[in-house]
Amino acid sequence: MSLYKTFFKIVKKNLTSILVYTGITVVIIVLLSGLYRKKQDEKAILDSYNIYVEDLDQSETSKALVDYLGKIHKISAEKMSEEVIRDNMYYEQIVCYIRIPQGFGETFLSTGENKVENTYDDAMPVGVSVSMQMNNFLNSLRGYVSTGLSVADAAKRSEESLDITKYVTIQKSEKPGNGGMKGAFNYMPFGILAILISGIFPVVAKFNEGEKKNRMQVSSMTPGKRTLWVMLGAATFAVAVLVVLIAFGSVMGTTDVGSTSIPGMNSETGSAENTIGVFSSVWWFSVLNALVFTSVVAMMISMFANVPVFAKAPAGVFSNIIGLSFCFLGGTFVPLEVMGDTVKKIGQLLPNYWYSVAVERIYNGKGMSDLWDCFVLQLVFGLACLFIGLAAARLSAEKKQLS
């Protein structure tokens, strides 16, 4: 029991780095898990942009046009000079400047001549889209007015005829919504790697140091018990870290925290929706995947702690180099579908790759029959590291006996 307590005393000395990596993991999950949220809107909506409109005509027709644009886009209410307008367009605070000249309404209804000026950056096709919306509305309005309707009634009919939500719907996916839970579990390997290396590696390395190791070997405690208490301490720490990350990831998956909105999308209709709950089959498979990965990381740490070359290195080096390289090559930070073939071949040698593959399969509705190979390949990597570590420890012990 004294060895078990000593384990956590050494862990406490590295508490700062553990908390730092925990905080980094939390921030990554909060900021990036929203990218995996799928919008479940049943209605199509138009993109909304910031525009500036100057109505010099103030006729019924011009006011109807401004009112129509205001229902789609955000019209700046602040009065601007030409210089300020140019600056705002340069910094993309507004996407276009619409000027309605005096006498526009009367001329347009009688002759159909459209004198509305739309100034925008040619490099941004958004201005063309706004022009098309104006032209469609004005042409429709003039057509209704020609049938004898008033401008107000014609404007109302035009808005209804141009409302795409009545004609376009978005087909719902039969698969459960991924939500933030997929993102949270997808980014979890970085936290598992960084936190466990920062917490466990220094402790095991300390126990394997020359003088400390010699004193432990001549103590009354049998080698089996020593190994058992160290393993128990490492397992307790690993499980505690995993529970915290899973709890946080589960909360992220059942709330809108960390969700992102698509630029130009109406926030009221662009809310994310989740259909995956805690303790569902998808959640249990995600937890099992994380548990397997945690076991593999623990085996890898035992190898680093037993190989003399690695054992002398600072824990921070492994946390950064191993954590970041594994995550970038294994599909944690970069989606597997955008990775090149060469990178994928390298990534297949790492447990992160198969963890990411398992996440994709889990949130595509696959069952255990489609996941077992991902779990096995992760464990193969872990067992290989464990045997290398044991072999290195034995060779080191034999070398000392000979010397």
Protein backbone atom coordinates (compact mmCIF):
# COMPACT_ATOMS: atom_id res chain seq x y z
CA MET A 1 0.00 0.00 0.00
CA SER A 2 2.91 2.35 0.71
CA LEU A 3 4.09 1.97 -2.89
CA TYR A 4 0.58 2.80 -4.10
CA LYS A 5 0.56 6.01 -2.02
CA THR A 6 4.06 6.89 -3.23
CA PHE A 7 2.83 6.58 -6.79
CA PHE A 8 0.30 9.36 -6.28
CA LYS A 9 2.74 11.51 -4.33
CA ILE A 10 4.96 11.60 -7.42
CA VAL A 11 1.90 12.22 -9.60
CA LYS A 12 1.04 15.21 -7.40
CA LYS A 13 4.42 16.77 -8.19
CA ASN A 14 3.45 16.79 -11.87
CA LEU A 15 -0.04 18.13 -11.18
CA THR A 16 0.61 21.41 -13.02
CA SER A 17 1.40 19.77 -16.36
CA ILE A 18 -1.52 17.37 -15.91
CA LEU A 19 -3.94 20.27 -15.35
CA VAL A 20 -2.48 22.18 -18.30
CA TYR A 21 -3.02 19.28 -20.71
CA THR A 22 -6.48 18.67 -19.25
CA GLY A 23 -7.35 22.31 -19.90
CA ILE A 24 -5.98 22.13 -23.45
CA THR A 25 -8.05 19.01 -24.13
CA VAL A 26 -11.21 20.65 -22.80
CA VAL A 27 -10.65 23.74 -24.96
CA ILE A 28 -9.99 21.62 -28.07
CA ILE A 29 -13.19 19.64 -27.52
CA VAL A 30 -15.25 22.79 -26.90
CA LEU A 31 -13.90 24.63 -29.95
CA LEU A 32 -13.75 21.77 -32.44
CA SER A 33 -16.44 19.27 -31.54
CA GLY A 34 -19.07 21.61 -33.00
CA LEU A 35 -17.62 20.89 -36.45
CA TYR A 36 -19.15 17.43 -36.24
CA ARG A 37 -22.64 18.64 -35.47
CA LYS A 38 -25.02 18.03 -38.35
CA LYS A 39 -27.77 20.50 -39.05
CA GLN A 40 -31.16 18.82 -38.97
CA ASP A 41 -33.25 21.63 -40.50
CA GLU A 42 -36.22 20.55 -42.55
CA LYS A 43 -36.43 23.86 -44.40
CA ALA A 44 -33.96 25.49 -46.74
CA ILE A 45 -32.96 29.06 -45.92
CA LEU A 46 -31.22 31.84 -47.78
CA ASP A 47 -27.79 33.07 -46.75
CA SER A 48 -27.89 36.39 -44.93
CA TYR A 49 -25.24 39.11 -45.37
CA ASN A 50 -24.54 42.64 -44.19
CA ILE A 51 -25.52 45.20 -46.86
CA TYR A 52 -25.95 48.98 -47.04
CA VAL A 53 -28.96 50.50 -48.85
CA GLU A 54 -29.43 54.17 -49.73
CA ASP A 55 -33.02 54.87 -50.83
CA LEU A 56 -33.20 58.30 -52.51
CA ASP A 57 -36.55 57.56 -54.13
CA GLN A 58 -38.72 56.81 -51.07
CA SER A 59 -41.52 55.54 -53.31
CA GLU A 60 -43.77 52.57 -52.61
CA THR A 61 -41.73 50.43 -54.99
CA SER A 62 -38.36 51.36 -53.48
CA LYS A 63 -39.66 50.87 -49.94
CA ALA A 64 -41.05 47.46 -50.93
CA LEU A 65 -37.62 46.49 -52.33
CA VAL A 66 -35.82 47.67 -49.18
CA ASP A 67 -38.32 45.80 -46.99
CA TYR A 68 -37.80 42.60 -49.03
CA LEU A 69 -34.01 42.84 -48.79
CA GLY A 70 -34.29 43.51 -45.05
CA LYS A 71 -36.10 40.22 -44.54
CA ILE A 72 -33.20 38.31 -46.08
CA HIS A 73 -30.14 40.39 -45.22
CA LYS A 74 -29.00 42.72 -42.44
CA ILE A 75 -29.28 46.30 -43.67
CA SER A 76 -26.97 48.72 -41.90
CA ALA A 77 -29.01 51.47 -40.22
CA GLU A 78 -26.02 53.78 -39.80
CA LYS A 79 -25.70 56.64 -42.28
CA MET A 80 -22.38 56.29 -44.12
CA SER A 81 -20.30 58.50 -46.35
CA GLU A 82 -18.80 57.13 -49.57
CA GLU A 83 -15.39 56.85 -47.92
CA VAL A 84 -16.81 54.90 -44.99
CA ILE A 85 -18.73 52.64 -47.39
CA ARG A 86 -15.53 51.84 -49.31
CA ASP A 87 -13.68 51.08 -46.06
CA ASN A 88 -16.47 48.78 -44.85
CA MET A 89 -16.52 46.94 -48.15
CA TYR A 90 -12.73 46.58 -48.10
CA TYR A 91 -12.83 45.06 -44.60
CA GLU A 92 -15.89 42.97 -45.60
CA GLN A 93 -18.12 44.57 -42.98
CA ILE A 94 -20.67 44.97 -45.76
CA VAL A 95 -20.78 42.91 -48.97
CA CYS A 96 -22.50 45.45 -51.22
CA TYR A 97 -23.78 49.03 -51.44
CA ILE A 98 -27.20 49.41 -53.06
CA ARG A 99 -28.26 52.87 -54.27
CA ILE A 100 -31.86 53.51 -55.37
CA PRO A 101 -31.97 56.78 -57.38
CA GLN A 102 -34.77 59.34 -57.21
CA GLY A 103 -37.64 58.62 -59.62
CA PHE A 104 -36.82 54.90 -59.76
CA GLY A 105 -40.31 53.69 -58.76
CA GLU A 106 -42.26 55.62 -61.36
CA THR A 107 -39.80 54.85 -64.17
CA PHE A 108 -39.59 51.15 -63.35
CA LEU A 109 -43.34 50.56 -63.20
CA SER A 110 -43.98 52.41 -66.44
CA THR A 111 -41.03 51.29 -68.59
CA GLY A 112 -39.43 48.41 -66.66
CA GLU A 113 -36.06 50.20 -66.60
CA ASN A 114 -34.13 49.16 -63.52
CA LYS A 115 -31.84 51.98 -62.37
CA VAL A 116 -30.85 50.43 -59.03
CA GLU A 117 -27.06 50.52 -58.59
CA ASN A 118 -25.37 47.66 -56.78
CA THR A 119 -21.70 48.23 -55.96
CA TYR A 120 -19.73 45.23 -54.73
CA ASP A 121 -16.30 43.63 -54.86
CA ASP A 122 -15.97 41.63 -58.08
CA ALA A 123 -13.89 39.07 -56.19
CA MET A 124 -16.94 38.27 -54.04
CA PRO A 125 -19.80 36.65 -56.01
CA VAL A 126 -22.15 37.44 -53.14
CA GLY A 127 -22.92 40.81 -54.77
CA VAL A 128 -24.15 39.04 -57.92
CA SER A 129 -26.46 36.88 -55.79
CA VAL A 130 -27.97 39.98 -54.15
CA SER A 131 -28.49 41.57 -57.59
CA MET A 132 -30.33 38.46 -58.79
CA GLN A 133 -32.58 38.56 -55.72
CA MET A 134 -33.43 42.22 -56.40
CA ASN A 135 -34.12 41.60 -60.10
CA ASN A 136 -36.33 38.59 -59.38
CA PHE A 137 -38.35 40.55 -56.83
CA LEU A 138 -38.74 43.66 -59.01
CA ASN A 139 -39.73 41.69 -62.11
CA SER A 140 -42.25 39.72 -60.11
CA LEU A 141 -43.61 42.88 -58.47
CA ARG A 142 -44.03 44.66 -61.83
CA GLY A 143 -45.79 41.60 -63.25
CA TYR A 144 -48.32 41.57 -60.41
CA VAL A 145 -48.84 45.34 -60.64
CA SER A 146 -49.62 44.98 -64.35
CA THR A 147 -52.53 42.70 -63.41
CA GLY A 148 -54.11 45.53 -61.41
CA LEU A 149 -52.77 44.81 -57.92
CA SER A 150 -51.49 47.59 -55.70
CA VAL A 151 -47.74 47.84 -55.00
CA ALA A 152 -48.25 46.56 -51.44
CA ASP A 153 -50.27 43.53 -52.56
CA ALA A 154 -47.86 42.88 -55.43
CA ALA A 155 -44.89 43.00 -53.04
CA LYS A 156 -46.60 40.50 -50.74
CA ARG A 157 -47.36 38.13 -53.61
CA SER A 158 -43.79 38.47 -54.90
CA GLU A 159 -42.31 37.57 -51.52
CA GLU A 160 -44.53 34.50 -51.33
CA SER A 161 -43.61 33.35 -54.84
CA LEU A 162 -39.89 33.78 -54.13
CA ASP A 163 -39.99 31.96 -50.78
CA ILE A 164 -37.88 28.85 -51.43
CA THR A 165 -38.87 27.22 -48.13
CA LYS A 166 -42.22 26.30 -49.70
CA TYR A 167 -40.61 24.42 -52.58
CA VAL A 168 -37.30 23.09 -51.22
CA THR A 169 -36.95 20.68 -48.31
CA ILE A 170 -33.93 18.91 -46.86
CA GLN A 171 -34.20 15.16 -46.62
CA LYS A 172 -33.60 13.87 -43.12
CA SER A 173 -30.84 11.35 -42.71
CA GLU A 174 -31.91 7.93 -41.46
CA LYS A 175 -28.73 7.75 -39.42
CA PRO A 176 -28.68 9.20 -35.90
CA GLY A 177 -27.39 12.75 -35.68
CA ASN A 178 -23.67 12.77 -34.86
CA GLY A 179 -23.86 15.83 -32.66
CA GLY A 180 -21.01 17.06 -30.53
CA MET A 181 -20.49 13.63 -28.98
CA LYS A 182 -18.70 12.33 -32.07
CA GLY A 183 -16.40 15.35 -32.05
CA ALA A 184 -15.72 14.99 -28.33
CA PHE A 185 -14.78 11.31 -28.61
CA ASN A 186 -12.84 11.92 -31.82
CA TYR A 187 -10.52 14.47 -30.14
CA MET A 188 -10.25 12.52 -26.87
CA PRO A 189 -7.04 10.59 -27.82
CA PHE A 190 -4.96 13.76 -27.55
CA GLY A 191 -6.06 14.24 -23.95
CA ILE A 192 -5.54 10.58 -23.11
CA LEU A 193 -2.03 10.59 -24.57
CA ALA A 194 -0.89 13.90 -23.11
CA ILE A 195 -2.38 13.49 -19.63
CA LEU A 196 -1.35 9.87 -19.11
CA ILE A 197 2.19 10.49 -20.32
CA SER A 198 2.48 13.54 -18.04
CA GLY A 199 1.11 11.63 -15.06
CA ILE A 200 2.32 8.03 -15.37
CA PHE A 201 5.60 8.21 -17.27
CA PRO A 202 7.56 10.27 -14.65
CA VAL A 203 6.42 7.93 -11.85
CA VAL A 204 7.38 4.68 -13.59
CA ALA A 205 10.66 6.23 -14.75
CA LYS A 206 11.45 7.26 -11.15
CA PHE A 207 10.81 3.73 -9.87
CA ASN A 208 13.19 2.39 -12.53
CA GLU A 209 16.05 4.72 -11.58
CA GLY A 210 19.21 2.97 -10.38
CA GLU A 211 19.32 3.64 -6.63
CA LYS A 212 15.54 3.59 -6.12
CA LYS A 213 15.22 0.37 -8.08
CA ASN A 214 18.02 -1.26 -6.09
CA ARG A 215 16.41 -0.33 -2.76
CA MET A 216 13.06 -1.68 -3.90
CA GLN A 217 14.68 -4.95 -4.99
CA VAL A 218 16.29 -5.56 -1.60
CA SER A 219 13.11 -4.66 0.29
CA SER A 220 10.84 -7.29 1.84
CA MET A 221 8.22 -6.72 -0.87
CA THR A 222 8.26 -9.37 -3.57
CA PRO A 223 8.81 -8.28 -7.21
CA GLY A 224 5.30 -9.45 -8.08
CA LYS A 225 3.74 -7.25 -5.41
CA ARG A 226 5.84 -4.25 -6.43
CA THR A 227 4.74 -4.59 -10.04
CA LEU A 228 1.14 -5.10 -8.95
CA TRP A 229 1.01 -1.93 -6.82
CA VAL A 230 2.63 0.16 -9.57
CA MET A 231 0.21 -1.23 -12.12
CA LEU A 232 -2.70 -0.60 -9.77
CA GLY A 233 -1.62 3.01 -9.28
CA ALA A 234 -1.25 3.55 -13.02
CA ALA A 235 -4.62 1.89 -13.68
CA THR A 236 -6.34 4.06 -11.07
CA PHE A 237 -4.91 7.23 -12.55
CA ALA A 238 -5.75 6.16 -16.11
CA VAL A 239 -9.33 5.24 -15.22
CA ALA A 240 -9.82 8.52 -13.35
CA VAL A 241 -8.60 10.50 -16.38
CA LEU A 242 -10.78 8.44 -18.73
CA VAL A 243 -13.88 8.93 -16.56
CA VAL A 244 -13.37 12.70 -16.50
CA LEU A 245 -12.89 12.91 -20.28
CA ILE A 246 -15.84 10.62 -21.02
CA ALA A 247 -18.09 12.60 -18.67
CA PHE A 248 -17.09 15.85 -20.34
CA GLY A 249 -17.45 14.37 -23.82
CA SER A 250 -20.90 13.04 -22.93
CA VAL A 251 -22.02 16.44 -21.69
CA MET A 252 -20.70 18.00 -24.89
CA GLY A 253 -22.66 15.49 -26.93
CA THR A 254 -25.99 16.22 -25.28
CA THR A 255 -25.85 20.02 -25.19
CA ASP A 256 -25.32 22.81 -27.70
CA VAL A 257 -22.07 23.90 -26.06
CA GLY A 258 -19.37 24.15 -28.66
CA SER A 259 -21.75 24.12 -31.62
CA THR A 260 -20.84 26.28 -34.54
CA SER A 261 -22.98 28.18 -36.96
CA ILE A 262 -22.47 28.38 -40.68
CA PRO A 263 -21.57 31.91 -41.88
CA GLY A 264 -24.59 33.57 -43.36
CA MET A 265 -27.02 31.12 -41.78
CA ASN A 266 -29.91 32.34 -39.69
CA SER A 267 -29.09 31.37 -36.11
CA GLU A 268 -32.72 30.74 -35.22
CA THR A 269 -33.13 28.03 -37.83
CA GLY A 270 -29.56 26.71 -37.77
CA SER A 271 -29.58 25.08 -34.35
CA ALA A 272 -27.97 21.68 -34.00
CA GLU A 273 -29.91 18.64 -32.96
CA ASN A 274 -28.75 15.46 -31.30
CA THR A 275 -30.39 12.08 -31.29
CA ILE A 276 -27.53 10.23 -29.54
CA GLY A 277 -27.89 10.02 -25.78
CA VAL A 278 -25.77 8.83 -22.88
CA PHE A 279 -25.96 5.07 -22.26
CA SER A 280 -27.11 4.43 -25.83
CA SER A 281 -25.40 1.67 -27.81
CA VAL A 282 -23.39 4.30 -29.69
CA TRP A 283 -22.22 5.81 -26.39
CA TRP A 284 -21.19 2.40 -25.00
CA PHE A 285 -19.20 1.57 -28.14
CA SER A 286 -17.50 4.99 -27.90
CA VAL A 287 -16.60 4.32 -24.25
CA LEU A 288 -15.26 0.87 -25.11
CA ASN A 289 -13.15 2.34 -27.91
CA ALA A 290 -11.73 4.95 -25.51
CA LEU A 291 -11.04 2.26 -22.89
CA VAL A 292 -9.11 0.13 -25.40
CA PHE A 293 -7.09 3.15 -26.51
CA THR A 294 -6.31 4.07 -22.89
CA SER A 295 -5.02 0.53 -22.24
CA VAL A 296 -2.80 0.77 -25.32
CA VAL A 297 -1.37 4.12 -24.18
CA ALA A 298 -0.59 2.65 -20.75
CA MET A 299 1.31 -0.23 -22.41
CA MET A 300 3.23 2.23 -24.59
CA ILE A 301 4.22 4.28 -21.52
CA SER A 302 5.61 1.14 -19.84
CA MET A 303 7.86 0.64 -22.87
CA PHE A 304 9.16 4.22 -22.74
CA ALA A 305 9.81 3.93 -18.99
CA ASN A 306 11.79 0.68 -19.35
CA VAL A 307 13.93 1.65 -22.34
CA PRO A 308 16.92 3.56 -20.85
CA VAL A 309 17.20 6.01 -23.76
CA PHE A 310 13.57 7.10 -23.39
CA ALA A 311 13.39 6.88 -19.60
CA LYS A 312 15.79 9.80 -19.17
CA ALA A 313 13.79 12.16 -21.41
CA PRO A 314 11.41 14.76 -19.88
CA ALA A 315 7.73 13.79 -19.84
CA GLY A 316 6.85 17.01 -21.64
CA VAL A 317 8.83 15.90 -24.68
CA PHE A 318 6.74 12.75 -25.07
CA SER A 319 3.50 14.59 -24.34
CA ASN A 320 4.13 17.00 -27.18
CA ILE A 321 6.01 14.92 -29.74
CA ILE A 322 4.12 11.64 -29.29
CA GLY A 323 0.74 13.25 -28.63
CA LEU A 324 0.76 15.66 -31.57
CA SER A 325 2.42 13.33 -34.10
CA PHE A 326 0.10 10.43 -33.29
CA CYS A 327 -2.96 12.68 -33.47
CA PHE A 328 -2.02 14.30 -36.78
CA LEU A 329 -1.06 10.99 -38.43
CA GLY A 330 -3.90 9.01 -36.88
CA GLY A 331 -6.89 11.08 -37.99
CA THR A 332 -7.57 12.80 -34.67
CA PHE A 333 -6.96 16.36 -35.86
CA VAL A 334 -7.16 15.74 -39.62
CA PRO A 335 -10.19 13.82 -40.97
CA LEU A 336 -9.26 10.47 -42.49
CA GLU A 337 -11.02 11.25 -45.77
CA VAL A 338 -8.71 14.21 -46.52
CA MET A 339 -5.48 12.41 -45.64
CA GLY A 340 -3.18 11.31 -48.47
CA ASP A 341 -2.56 7.64 -49.22
CA THR A 342 1.05 7.79 -47.97
CA VAL A 343 0.01 9.39 -44.68
CA LYS A 344 -2.74 6.82 -44.27
CA LYS A 345 -0.27 3.96 -44.74
CA ILE A 346 1.93 5.43 -42.01
CA GLY A 347 -1.08 6.13 -39.83
CA GLN A 348 -2.21 2.51 -40.00
CA LEU A 349 0.80 1.60 -37.86
CA LEU A 350 -0.53 3.79 -35.02
CA PRO A 351 -3.41 3.09 -32.59
CA ASN A 352 -4.90 6.55 -33.22
CA TYR A 353 -5.71 5.60 -36.81
CA TRP A 354 -7.76 2.58 -35.79
CA TYR A 355 -9.36 4.55 -32.99
CA SER A 356 -10.51 7.15 -35.56
CA VAL A 357 -11.73 4.43 -37.93
CA ALA A 358 -13.75 2.94 -35.06
CA VAL A 359 -15.27 6.37 -34.29
CA GLU A 360 -16.39 6.75 -37.92
CA ARG A 361 -17.93 3.28 -37.94
CA ILE A 362 -19.65 3.77 -34.58
CA TYR A 363 -21.34 7.01 -35.65
CA ASN A 364 -22.33 5.47 -38.98
CA GLY A 365 -24.43 2.94 -37.12
CA LYS A 366 -22.05 -0.04 -37.24
CA GLY A 367 -22.10 -2.80 -34.62
CA MET A 368 -19.53 -4.88 -32.78
CA SER A 369 -18.98 -7.14 -35.79
CA ASP A 370 -17.60 -4.12 -37.67
CA LEU A 371 -15.54 -2.78 -34.76
CA TRP A 372 -13.63 -5.76 -33.38
CA ASP A 373 -10.79 -5.48 -35.90
CA CYS A 374 -10.17 -1.83 -34.86
CA PHE A 375 -9.97 -2.87 -31.20
CA VAL A 376 -7.69 -5.82 -31.96
CA LEU A 377 -5.27 -3.74 -34.06
CA GLN A 378 -5.03 -1.15 -31.29
CA LEU A 379 -4.29 -3.87 -28.74
CA VAL A 380 -1.68 -5.45 -31.04
CA PHE A 381 0.22 -2.15 -31.00
CA GLY A 382 -0.06 -1.97 -27.19
CA LEU A 383 1.10 -5.55 -26.65
CA ALA A 384 4.05 -5.00 -28.98
CA CYS A 385 5.09 -1.99 -26.88
CA LEU A 386 4.61 -3.99 -23.66
CA PHE A 387 6.83 -6.87 -24.84
CA ILE A 388 9.49 -4.43 -26.05
CA GLY A 389 9.47 -2.75 -22.64
CA LEU A 390 9.73 -6.06 -20.78
CA ALA A 391 12.57 -7.19 -23.03
CA ALA A 392 14.40 -3.89 -22.52
CA ALA A 393 13.99 -4.18 -18.74
CA ARG A 394 15.34 -7.71 -18.74
CA LEU A 395 18.34 -6.80 -20.90
CA SER A 396 19.08 -3.84 -18.66
CA ALA A 397 18.93 -6.05 -15.56
CA GLU A 398 21.21 -8.69 -17.10
CA LYS A 399 23.69 -6.00 -18.17
CA LYS A 400 23.89 -4.70 -14.60
CA GLN A 401 24.43 -8.20 -13.20
CA LEU A 402 27.29 -8.81 -15.61
CA SER A 403 28.91 -5.51 -14.77
